[in-house]
Amino acid sequence: MKTALHGGVSAPGVVACALCGVLWLGLLNIAHRRIRTLAATTAPAAFAPRHAAAAALCTVAMAVCGAALVL
């Protein structure tokens, strides 16, 4: 947030900051679901490829947004 507002408030900075926040919440949601699955059973099911892809996408997209905020 501080980086997005450093040079003054700009629409792209606020959008990038909000997008980073949404991606972070999405990654936390995926991680929380996986942790609950792991804790619920002694032999949990394999991590679904769809969820793994979503977690990887959120991670890469957060890195891109962070880089955009810094540059």
PDB file of N, CA and C in Angstrom:
ATOM      1  N   MET A   1       0.826  -1.177   0.000  1.00  0.00           N
ATOM      2  CA  MET A   1       0.000   0.000   0.000  1.00  0.00           C
ATOM      3  C   MET A   1       0.874   1.245   0.000  1.00  0.00           C
ATOM      4  N   LYS A   2       1.911   1.248   0.819  1.00  0.00           N
ATOM      5  CA  LYS A   2       2.786   2.407   0.892  1.00  0.00           C
ATOM      6  C   LYS A   2       3.453   2.681  -0.453  1.00  0.00           C
ATOM      7  N   THR A   3       3.879   1.620  -1.131  1.00  0.00           N
ATOM      8  CA  THR A   3       4.520   1.781  -2.432  1.00  0.00           C
ATOM      9  C   THR A   3       3.536   2.325  -3.460  1.00  0.00           C
ATOM     10  N   ALA A   4       2.301   1.870  -3.413  1.00  0.00           N
ATOM     11  CA  ALA A   4       1.303   2.316  -4.387  1.00  0.00           C
ATOM     12  C   ALA A   4       0.979   3.791  -4.221  1.00  0.00           C
ATOM     13  N   LEU A   5       1.064   4.295  -2.995  1.00  0.00           N
ATOM     14  CA  LEU A   5       0.683   5.679  -2.733  1.00  0.00           C
ATOM     15  C   LEU A   5       1.880   6.600  -2.547  1.00  0.00           C
ATOM     16  N   HIS A   6       3.081   6.106  -2.754  1.00  0.00           N
ATOM     17  CA  HIS A   6       4.294   6.881  -2.486  1.00  0.00           C
ATOM     18  C   HIS A   6       4.351   8.184  -3.272  1.00  0.00           C
ATOM     19  N   GLY A   7       4.110   8.154  -4.550  1.00  0.00           N
ATOM     20  CA  GLY A   7       4.189   9.356  -5.376  1.00  0.00           C
ATOM     21  C   GLY A   7       2.864  10.079  -5.491  1.00  0.00           C
ATOM     22  N   GLY A   8       1.929   9.786  -4.666  1.00  0.00           N
ATOM     23  CA  GLY A   8       0.584  10.340  -4.756  1.00  0.00           C
ATOM     24  C   GLY A   8      -0.373   9.238  -5.191  1.00  0.00           C
ATOM     25  N   VAL A   9      -1.631   9.488  -5.025  1.00  0.00           N
ATOM     26  CA  VAL A   9      -2.645   8.498  -5.370  1.00  0.00           C
ATOM     27  C   VAL A   9      -2.833   8.475  -6.882  1.00  0.00           C
ATOM     28  N   SER A  10      -2.689   7.278  -7.464  1.00  0.00           N
ATOM     29  CA  SER A  10      -2.954   7.117  -8.890  1.00  0.00           C
ATOM     30  C   SER A  10      -3.844   5.890  -9.073  1.00  0.00           C
ATOM     31  N   ALA A  11      -4.661   5.935 -10.080  1.00  0.00           N
ATOM     32  CA  ALA A  11      -5.591   4.829 -10.327  1.00  0.00           C
ATOM     33  C   ALA A  11      -4.862   3.504 -10.559  1.00  0.00           C
ATOM     34  N   PRO A  12      -3.814   3.448 -11.391  1.00  0.00           N
ATOM     35  CA  PRO A  12      -3.127   2.166 -11.578  1.00  0.00           C
ATOM     36  C   PRO A  12      -2.489   1.638 -10.294  1.00  0.00           C
ATOM     37  N   GLY A  13      -1.967   2.517  -9.462  1.00  0.00           N
ATOM     38  CA  GLY A  13      -1.367   2.089  -8.201  1.00  0.00           C
ATOM     39  C   GLY A  13      -2.394   1.494  -7.257  1.00  0.00           C
ATOM     40  N   VAL A  14      -3.539   2.131  -7.170  1.00  0.00           N
ATOM     41  CA  VAL A  14      -4.608   1.629  -6.299  1.00  0.00           C
ATOM     42  C   VAL A  14      -5.148   0.304  -6.827  1.00  0.00           C
ATOM     43  N   VAL A  15      -5.305   0.194  -8.140  1.00  0.00           N
ATOM     44  CA  VAL A  15      -5.793  -1.058  -8.739  1.00  0.00           C
ATOM     45  C   VAL A  15      -4.798  -2.184  -8.510  1.00  0.00           C
ATOM     46  N   ALA A  16      -3.509  -1.916  -8.701  1.00  0.00           N
ATOM     47  CA  ALA A  16      -2.491  -2.943  -8.476  1.00  0.00           C
ATOM     48  C   ALA A  16      -2.463  -3.363  -7.019  1.00  0.00           C
ATOM     49  N   CYS A  17      -2.598  -2.416  -6.113  1.00  0.00           N
ATOM     50  CA  CYS A  17      -2.620  -2.729  -4.687  1.00  0.00           C
ATOM     51  C   CYS A  17      -3.845  -3.574  -4.332  1.00  0.00           C
ATOM     52  N   ALA A  18      -4.990  -3.205  -4.854  1.00  0.00           N
ATOM     53  CA  ALA A  18      -6.211  -3.970  -4.591  1.00  0.00           C
ATOM     54  C   ALA A  18      -6.110  -5.371  -5.187  1.00  0.00           C
ATOM     55  N   LEU A  19      -5.524  -5.480  -6.367  1.00  0.00           N
ATOM     56  CA  LEU A  19      -5.357  -6.787  -6.996  1.00  0.00           C
ATOM     57  C   LEU A  19      -4.433  -7.671  -6.172  1.00  0.00           C
ATOM     58  N   CYS A  20      -3.360  -7.098  -5.649  1.00  0.00           N
ATOM     59  CA  CYS A  20      -2.455  -7.867  -4.780  1.00  0.00           C
ATOM     60  C   CYS A  20      -3.210  -8.385  -3.553  1.00  0.00           C
ATOM     61  N   GLY A  21      -4.040  -7.542  -2.984  1.00  0.00           N
ATOM     62  CA  GLY A  21      -4.829  -7.955  -1.817  1.00  0.00           C
ATOM     63  C   GLY A  21      -5.793  -9.083  -2.139  1.00  0.00           C
ATOM     64  N   VAL A  22      -6.460  -8.994  -3.254  1.00  0.00           N
ATOM     65  CA  VAL A  22      -7.402 -10.041  -3.662  1.00  0.00           C
ATOM     66  C   VAL A  22      -6.665 -11.350  -3.941  1.00  0.00           C
ATOM     67  N   LEU A  23      -5.524 -11.257  -4.604  1.00  0.00           N
ATOM     68  CA  LEU A  23      -4.745 -12.468  -4.878  1.00  0.00           C
ATOM     69  C   LEU A  23      -4.242 -13.106  -3.588  1.00  0.00           C
ATOM     70  N   TRP A  24      -3.815 -12.275  -2.638  1.00  0.00           N
ATOM     71  CA  TRP A  24      -3.359 -12.787  -1.350  1.00  0.00           C
ATOM     72  C   TRP A  24      -4.499 -13.509  -0.627  1.00  0.00           C
ATOM     73  N   LEU A  25      -5.681 -12.929  -0.636  1.00  0.00           N
ATOM     74  CA  LEU A  25      -6.827 -13.578   0.000  1.00  0.00           C
ATOM     75  C   LEU A  25      -7.185 -14.885  -0.703  1.00  0.00           C
ATOM     76  N   GLY A  26      -7.058 -14.919  -2.017  1.00  0.00           N
ATOM     77  CA  GLY A  26      -7.319 -16.155  -2.757  1.00  0.00           C
ATOM     78  C   GLY A  26      -6.326 -17.249  -2.384  1.00  0.00           C
ATOM     79  N   LEU A  27      -5.051 -16.884  -2.278  1.00  0.00           N
ATOM     80  CA  LEU A  27      -4.041 -17.860  -1.888  1.00  0.00           C
ATOM     81  C   LEU A  27      -4.278 -18.353  -0.463  1.00  0.00           C
ATOM     82  N   LEU A  28      -4.640 -17.455   0.436  1.00  0.00           N
ATOM     83  CA  LEU A  28      -4.949 -17.866   1.806  1.00  0.00           C
ATOM     84  C   LEU A  28      -6.147 -18.806   1.846  1.00  0.00           C
ATOM     85  N   ASN A  29      -7.139 -18.550   1.018  1.00  0.00           N
ATOM     86  CA  ASN A  29      -8.320 -19.416   0.961  1.00  0.00           C
ATOM     87  C   ASN A  29      -7.946 -20.821   0.495  1.00  0.00           C
ATOM     88  N   ILE A  30      -7.126 -20.905  -0.538  1.00  0.00           N
ATOM     89  CA  ILE A  30      -6.693 -22.210  -1.046  1.00  0.00           C
ATOM     90  C   ILE A  30      -5.880 -22.944   0.013  1.00  0.00           C
ATOM     91  N   ALA A  31      -4.963 -22.232   0.661  1.00  0.00           N
ATOM     92  CA  ALA A  31      -4.131 -22.846   1.694  1.00  0.00           C
ATOM     93  C   ALA A  31      -4.978 -23.306   2.876  1.00  0.00           C
ATOM     94  N   HIS A  32      -5.946 -22.508   3.267  1.00  0.00           N
ATOM     95  CA  HIS A  32      -6.817 -22.873   4.393  1.00  0.00           C
ATOM     96  C   HIS A  32      -7.619 -24.140   4.091  1.00  0.00           C
ATOM     97  N   ARG A  33      -8.140 -24.215   2.884  1.00  0.00           N
ATOM     98  CA  ARG A  33      -8.884 -25.422   2.496  1.00  0.00           C
ATOM     99  C   ARG A  33      -7.993 -26.660   2.543  1.00  0.00           C
ATOM    100  N   ARG A  34      -6.757 -26.512   2.060  1.00  0.00           N
ATOM    101  CA  ARG A  34      -5.835 -27.652   2.051  1.00  0.00           C
ATOM    102  C   ARG A  34      -5.461 -28.069   3.467  1.00  0.00           C
ATOM    103  N   ILE A  35      -5.213 -27.108   4.332  1.00  0.00           N
ATOM    104  CA  ILE A  35      -4.875 -27.420   5.716  1.00  0.00           C
ATOM    105  C   ILE A  35      -6.037 -28.123   6.402  1.00  0.00           C
ATOM    106  N   ARG A  36      -7.253 -27.668   6.160  1.00  0.00           N
ATOM    107  CA  ARG A  36      -8.423 -28.340   6.754  1.00  0.00           C
ATOM    108  C   ARG A  36      -8.547 -29.761   6.235  1.00  0.00           C
ATOM    109  N   THR A  37      -8.276 -29.985   4.957  1.00  0.00           N
ATOM    110  CA  THR A  37      -8.324 -31.325   4.384  1.00  0.00           C
ATOM    111  C   THR A  37      -7.261 -32.219   5.011  1.00  0.00           C
ATOM    112  N   LEU A  38      -6.062 -31.693   5.179  1.00  0.00           N
ATOM    113  CA  LEU A  38      -4.981 -32.476   5.769  1.00  0.00           C
ATOM    114  C   LEU A  38      -5.262 -32.821   7.226  1.00  0.00           C
ATOM    115  N   ALA A  39      -5.900 -31.914   7.948  1.00  0.00           N
ATOM    116  CA  ALA A  39      -6.179 -32.140   9.363  1.00  0.00           C
ATOM    117  C   ALA A  39      -7.374 -33.059   9.585  1.00  0.00           C
ATOM    118  N   ALA A  40      -8.240 -33.166   8.604  1.00  0.00           N
ATOM    119  CA  ALA A  40      -9.484 -33.915   8.791  1.00  0.00           C
ATOM    120  C   ALA A  40      -9.303 -35.428   8.705  1.00  0.00           C
ATOM    121  N   THR A  41      -8.336 -35.892   7.957  1.00  0.00           N
ATOM    122  CA  THR A  41      -8.191 -37.329   7.761  1.00  0.00           C
ATOM    123  C   THR A  41      -6.741 -37.747   7.959  1.00  0.00           C
ATOM    124  N   THR A  42      -6.555 -39.047   8.157  1.00  0.00           N
ATOM    125  CA  THR A  42      -5.189 -39.556   8.303  1.00  0.00           C
ATOM    126  C   THR A  42      -4.532 -39.754   6.945  1.00  0.00           C
ATOM    127  N   ALA A  43      -5.328 -40.010   5.925  1.00  0.00           N
ATOM    128  CA  ALA A  43      -4.791 -40.181   4.569  1.00  0.00           C
ATOM    129  C   ALA A  43      -5.544 -39.243   3.629  1.00  0.00           C
ATOM    130  N   PRO A  44      -5.120 -37.988   3.550  1.00  0.00           N
ATOM    131  CA  PRO A  44      -5.863 -37.022   2.722  1.00  0.00           C
ATOM    132  C   PRO A  44      -5.719 -37.321   1.237  1.00  0.00           C
ATOM    133  N   ALA A  45      -6.681 -36.841   0.512  1.00  0.00           N
ATOM    134  CA  ALA A  45      -6.652 -36.994  -0.947  1.00  0.00           C
ATOM    135  C   ALA A  45      -5.538 -36.131  -1.523  1.00  0.00           C
ATOM    136  N   ALA A  46      -5.123 -36.471  -2.714  1.00  0.00           N
ATOM    137  CA  ALA A  46      -4.093 -35.693  -3.393  1.00  0.00           C
ATOM    138  C   ALA A  46      -4.613 -34.284  -3.673  1.00  0.00           C
ATOM    139  N   PHE A  47      -3.695 -33.346  -3.716  1.00  0.00           N
ATOM    140  CA  PHE A  47      -4.040 -31.961  -4.011  1.00  0.00           C
ATOM    141  C   PHE A  47      -4.528 -31.897  -5.452  1.00  0.00           C
ATOM    142  N   ALA A  48      -5.737 -31.409  -5.640  1.00  0.00           N
ATOM    143  CA  ALA A  48      -6.335 -31.357  -6.972  1.00  0.00           C
ATOM    144  C   ALA A  48      -5.495 -30.465  -7.894  1.00  0.00           C
ATOM    145  N   PRO A  49      -5.283 -30.904  -9.124  1.00  0.00           N
ATOM    146  CA  PRO A  49      -4.505 -30.082 -10.060  1.00  0.00           C
ATOM    147  C   PRO A  49      -5.086 -28.677 -10.258  1.00  0.00           C
ATOM    148  N   ARG A  50      -6.388 -28.584 -10.204  1.00  0.00           N
ATOM    149  CA  ARG A  50      -7.044 -27.284 -10.354  1.00  0.00           C
ATOM    150  C   ARG A  50      -6.653 -26.344  -9.210  1.00  0.00           C
ATOM    151  N   HIS A  51      -6.626 -26.877  -7.983  1.00  0.00           N
ATOM    152  CA  HIS A  51      -6.248 -26.060  -6.831  1.00  0.00           C
ATOM    153  C   HIS A  51      -4.755 -25.727  -6.853  1.00  0.00           C
ATOM    154  N   ALA A  52      -3.946 -26.673  -7.264  1.00  0.00           N
ATOM    155  CA  ALA A  52      -2.504 -26.422  -7.365  1.00  0.00           C
ATOM    156  C   ALA A  52      -2.224 -25.343  -8.408  1.00  0.00           C
ATOM    157  N   ALA A  53      -2.911 -25.411  -9.521  1.00  0.00           N
ATOM    158  CA  ALA A  53      -2.737 -24.405 -10.567  1.00  0.00           C
ATOM    159  C   ALA A  53      -3.202 -23.034 -10.084  1.00  0.00           C
ATOM    160  N   ALA A  54      -4.305 -22.994  -9.349  1.00  0.00           N
ATOM    161  CA  ALA A  54      -4.802 -21.723  -8.822  1.00  0.00           C
ATOM    162  C   ALA A  54      -3.815 -21.127  -7.821  1.00  0.00           C
ATOM    163  N   ALA A  55      -3.240 -21.962  -6.957  1.00  0.00           N
ATOM    164  CA  ALA A  55      -2.252 -21.474  -5.993  1.00  0.00           C
ATOM    165  C   ALA A  55      -1.016 -20.936  -6.708  1.00  0.00           C
ATOM    166  N   ALA A  56      -0.549 -21.654  -7.718  1.00  0.00           N
ATOM    167  CA  ALA A  56       0.620 -21.195  -8.476  1.00  0.00           C
ATOM    168  C   ALA A  56       0.306 -19.901  -9.217  1.00  0.00           C
ATOM    169  N   LEU A  57      -0.872 -19.808  -9.799  1.00  0.00           N
ATOM    170  CA  LEU A  57      -1.274 -18.595 -10.515  1.00  0.00           C
ATOM    171  C   LEU A  57      -1.350 -17.396  -9.570  1.00  0.00           C
ATOM    172  N   CYS A  58      -1.926 -17.592  -8.392  1.00  0.00           N
ATOM    173  CA  CYS A  58      -1.999 -16.502  -7.413  1.00  0.00           C
ATOM    174  C   CYS A  58      -0.602 -16.051  -7.006  1.00  0.00           C
ATOM    175  N   THR A  59       0.303 -16.993  -6.791  1.00  0.00           N
ATOM    176  CA  THR A  59       1.659 -16.662  -6.377  1.00  0.00           C
ATOM    177  C   THR A  59       2.387 -15.865  -7.459  1.00  0.00           C
ATOM    178  N   VAL A  60       2.305 -16.322  -8.696  1.00  0.00           N
ATOM    179  CA  VAL A  60       2.976 -15.626  -9.798  1.00  0.00           C
ATOM    180  C   VAL A  60       2.341 -14.256 -10.038  1.00  0.00           C
ATOM    181  N   ALA A  61       1.028 -14.191  -9.975  1.00  0.00           N
ATOM    182  CA  ALA A  61       0.358 -12.918 -10.205  1.00  0.00           C
ATOM    183  C   ALA A  61       0.684 -11.912  -9.102  1.00  0.00           C
ATOM    184  N   MET A  62       0.812 -12.387  -7.850  1.00  0.00           N
ATOM    185  CA  MET A  62       1.210 -11.479  -6.768  1.00  0.00           C
ATOM    186  C   MET A  62       2.614 -10.952  -6.989  1.00  0.00           C
ATOM    187  N   ALA A  63       3.501 -11.809  -7.478  1.00  0.00           N
ATOM    188  CA  ALA A  63       4.871 -11.368  -7.759  1.00  0.00           C
ATOM    189  C   ALA A  63       4.878 -10.310  -8.865  1.00  0.00           C
ATOM    190  N   VAL A  64       4.069 -10.500  -9.877  1.00  0.00           N
ATOM    191  CA  VAL A  64       3.977  -9.518 -10.972  1.00  0.00           C
ATOM    192  C   VAL A  64       3.406  -8.206 -10.462  1.00  0.00           C
ATOM    193  N   CYS A  65       2.363  -8.281  -9.664  1.00  0.00           N
ATOM    194  CA  CYS A  65       1.773  -7.053  -9.115  1.00  0.00           C
ATOM    195  C   CYS A  65       2.762  -6.330  -8.209  1.00  0.00           C
ATOM    196  N   GLY A  66       3.472  -7.086  -7.393  1.00  0.00           N
ATOM    197  CA  GLY A  66       4.487  -6.473  -6.517  1.00  0.00           C
ATOM    198  C   GLY A  66       5.577  -5.796  -7.319  1.00  0.00           C
ATOM    199  N   ALA A  67       6.020  -6.440  -8.373  1.00  0.00           N
ATOM    200  CA  ALA A  67       7.038  -5.831  -9.230  1.00  0.00           C
ATOM    201  C   ALA A  67       6.501  -4.580  -9.902  1.00  0.00           C
ATOM    202  N   ALA A  68       5.247  -4.605 -10.328  1.00  0.00           N
ATOM    203  CA  ALA A  68       4.645  -3.430 -10.959  1.00  0.00           C
ATOM    204  C   ALA A  68       4.545  -2.269  -9.971  1.00  0.00           C
ATOM    205  N   LEU A  69       4.274  -2.570  -8.714  1.00  0.00           N
ATOM    206  CA  LEU A  69       4.187  -1.509  -7.720  1.00  0.00           C
ATOM    207  C   LEU A  69       5.542  -0.883  -7.447  1.00  0.00           C
ATOM    208  N   VAL A  70       6.583  -1.708  -7.441  1.00  0.00           N
ATOM    209  CA  VAL A  70       7.924  -1.206  -7.142  1.00  0.00           C
ATOM    210  C   VAL A  70       8.470  -0.399  -8.307  1.00  0.00           C
ATOM    211  N   LEU A  71       8.203  -0.847  -9.521  1.00  0.00           N
ATOM    212  CA  LEU A  71       8.721  -0.150 -10.703  1.00  0.00           C
ATOM    213  C   LEU A  71       7.831   0.987 -11.030  1.00  0.00           C
TER     214      LEU A  71
END
